[in-house]
Amino acid sequence: MKAAVTWDHGMTFEGTADSGFSVTLGSSAAVGGDDDGFRPMELILTGLIGCTAMDVISILRKKRQGVTGFRVTADAQQADGHPYVFTAVHIHYIVEGRDIDPKAVERAIELSETRYCPAQAMLSETVAMELTYEIWESESAAA
């Protein structure tokens, strides 16, 4: 895997990777930026929950769960000083659907955590992670 960032102006960079997509990275005005893009640590956190979200929804679909909506959120605590590393991360899965089996959700989260998500495997070596979930009953048709 390869990635690159190219300086645009001020504290603004354009990030690219093998997929061919790009993302703007920026910083706050407090450190000379224009508030015009993702902060690098936001991308790390978004990558983490994107990784586990893809695993969990894939597993739930294979388990034929009637998922109609799915969202994963994260709340990361950071150190008080430089380099502002993550000190704890709470990942919360919200599964919406009909007759969702809690055991299927728990197993999907466990498999993502212990077997499939490289971002979680890597970050969990240095950051305490709490994983929680909730299930919302829905009347909508399965996706």
Protein backbone atom coordinates (compact mmCIF):
# COMPACT_ATOMS: atom_id res chain seq x y z
CA MET A 1 0.00 0.00 0.00
CA LYS A 2 1.25 3.45 -0.86
CA ALA A 3 -0.01 6.90 -0.01
CA ALA A 4 1.20 10.46 -0.47
CA VAL A 5 0.36 13.95 0.72
CA THR A 6 1.08 16.99 -1.42
CA TRP A 7 1.25 20.46 0.03
CA ASP A 8 -1.38 22.80 -1.39
CA HIS A 9 -0.98 25.97 0.67
CA GLY A 10 -0.57 27.08 4.28
CA MET A 11 -1.29 23.94 6.33
CA THR A 12 -3.45 22.30 3.64
CA PHE A 13 -2.44 19.04 1.95
CA GLU A 14 -4.09 16.72 -0.55
CA GLY A 15 -3.76 13.06 0.40
CA THR A 16 -3.90 10.29 -2.18
CA ALA A 17 -3.53 6.52 -2.03
CA ASP A 18 -3.50 3.44 -4.25
CA SER A 19 -7.29 3.55 -4.62
CA GLY A 20 -7.01 6.77 -6.61
CA PHE A 21 -9.23 8.75 -4.27
CA SER A 22 -8.10 11.90 -2.52
CA VAL A 23 -8.86 13.70 0.71
CA THR A 24 -8.04 17.18 1.89
CA LEU A 25 -6.07 17.44 5.13
CA GLY A 26 -6.11 20.69 7.06
CA SER A 27 -5.65 22.21 10.46
CA SER A 28 -7.29 24.77 12.68
CA ALA A 29 -6.59 28.48 12.44
CA ALA A 30 -4.95 28.22 15.88
CA VAL A 31 -2.00 26.44 14.27
CA GLY A 32 -1.93 28.36 11.01
CA GLY A 33 -4.51 26.41 9.03
CA ASP A 34 -7.67 27.35 7.19
CA ASP A 35 -10.07 24.81 8.77
CA ASP A 36 -10.43 23.29 5.31
CA GLY A 37 -9.92 19.56 5.73
CA PHE A 38 -9.72 16.50 7.93
CA ARG A 39 -7.15 16.59 10.71
CA PRO A 40 -4.73 13.65 10.40
CA MET A 41 -5.85 12.16 13.74
CA GLU A 42 -9.48 12.41 12.59
CA LEU A 43 -8.52 10.33 9.57
CA ILE A 44 -6.91 7.70 11.79
CA LEU A 45 -10.05 7.49 13.93
CA THR A 46 -12.32 7.44 10.86
CA GLY A 47 -10.15 4.73 9.30
CA LEU A 48 -10.42 2.65 12.46
CA ILE A 49 -14.20 2.72 12.60
CA GLY A 50 -14.52 2.39 8.83
CA CYS A 51 -12.43 -0.77 8.99
CA THR A 52 -14.48 -2.40 11.75
CA ALA A 53 -17.78 -1.19 10.24
CA MET A 54 -17.03 -2.93 6.94
CA ASP A 55 -16.19 -6.16 8.78
CA VAL A 56 -19.28 -6.10 10.99
CA ILE A 57 -21.80 -5.30 8.25
CA SER A 58 -20.26 -7.97 6.01
CA ILE A 59 -20.51 -10.59 8.77
CA LEU A 60 -24.07 -9.59 9.69
CA ARG A 61 -25.16 -9.85 6.06
CA LYS A 62 -23.56 -13.32 5.79
CA LYS A 63 -25.47 -14.28 8.94
CA ARG A 64 -28.62 -13.13 7.11
CA GLN A 65 -29.50 -10.53 9.71
CA GLY A 66 -32.21 -8.10 8.53
CA VAL A 67 -30.08 -4.97 8.90
CA THR A 68 -31.78 -1.82 7.59
CA GLY A 69 -29.42 0.73 9.08
CA PHE A 70 -25.93 0.66 10.54
CA ARG A 71 -23.71 3.29 12.07
CA VAL A 72 -20.45 3.17 14.00
CA THR A 73 -19.28 6.07 16.12
CA ALA A 74 -16.05 6.65 18.01
CA ASP A 75 -15.06 8.87 20.87
CA ALA A 76 -11.31 9.11 21.35
CA GLN A 77 -9.52 10.62 24.32
CA GLN A 78 -6.14 12.21 23.60
CA ALA A 79 -3.11 12.98 25.74
CA ASP A 80 -3.02 16.50 27.19
CA GLY A 81 0.27 17.35 25.49
CA HIS A 82 2.34 16.62 22.41
CA PRO A 83 2.16 14.31 20.57
CA TYR A 84 -1.55 14.14 21.54
CA VAL A 85 -1.79 10.38 21.05
CA PHE A 86 -5.03 8.54 21.62
CA THR A 87 -5.20 7.27 25.19
CA ALA A 88 -8.62 5.57 24.98
CA VAL A 89 -11.17 4.90 22.26
CA HIS A 90 -14.83 4.02 22.70
CA ILE A 91 -16.36 2.43 19.58
CA HIS A 92 -20.14 2.19 19.51
CA TYR A 93 -22.07 0.14 16.94
CA ILE A 94 -25.73 0.95 16.22
CA VAL A 95 -27.53 -1.81 14.31
CA GLU A 96 -31.05 -1.20 13.05
CA GLY A 97 -33.27 -3.88 11.61
CA ARG A 98 -35.86 -6.57 12.19
CA ASP A 99 -35.29 -9.40 14.66
CA ILE A 100 -31.56 -8.77 14.90
CA ASP A 101 -29.89 -11.48 17.00
CA PRO A 102 -27.72 -9.88 19.72
CA LYS A 103 -25.41 -12.93 19.63
CA ALA A 104 -24.82 -12.36 15.90
CA VAL A 105 -23.92 -8.72 16.57
CA GLU A 106 -21.60 -9.67 19.43
CA ARG A 107 -19.88 -12.32 17.30
CA ALA A 108 -19.48 -9.95 14.33
CA ILE A 109 -17.87 -7.33 16.58
CA GLU A 110 -15.64 -9.96 18.18
CA LEU A 111 -14.47 -11.28 14.80
CA SER A 112 -13.69 -7.78 13.59
CA GLU A 113 -11.74 -7.07 16.78
CA THR A 114 -9.79 -10.33 16.95
CA ARG A 115 -9.44 -11.47 13.36
CA TYR A 116 -10.29 -9.12 10.53
CA CYS A 117 -9.71 -5.40 11.19
CA PRO A 118 -6.02 -4.51 10.81
CA ALA A 119 -6.56 -0.96 12.07
CA GLN A 120 -8.11 -2.24 15.29
CA ALA A 121 -5.43 -4.92 15.71
CA MET A 122 -2.69 -2.32 15.33
CA LEU A 123 -4.18 0.44 17.46
CA SER A 124 -5.38 -1.86 20.24
CA GLU A 125 -1.73 -2.66 20.98
CA THR A 126 -1.27 0.86 22.36
CA VAL A 127 -4.75 2.24 23.05
CA ALA A 128 -7.44 0.97 25.42
CA MET A 129 -10.60 0.28 23.43
CA GLU A 130 -14.13 -0.11 24.71
CA LEU A 131 -16.64 -1.68 22.31
CA THR A 132 -20.39 -1.31 22.84
CA TYR A 133 -23.46 -1.79 20.69
CA GLU A 134 -27.17 -1.23 20.60
CA ILE A 135 -29.91 -2.69 18.43
CA TRP A 136 -32.85 -0.66 17.19
CA GLU A 137 -35.94 -2.52 15.99
CA SER A 138 -37.08 -1.31 12.56
CA GLU A 139 -40.09 -1.87 10.33
CA SER A 140 -38.17 -1.17 7.08
CA ALA A 141 -37.23 -3.82 4.55
CA ALA A 142 -33.71 -5.30 4.81
CA ALA A 143 -30.93 -3.73 2.73
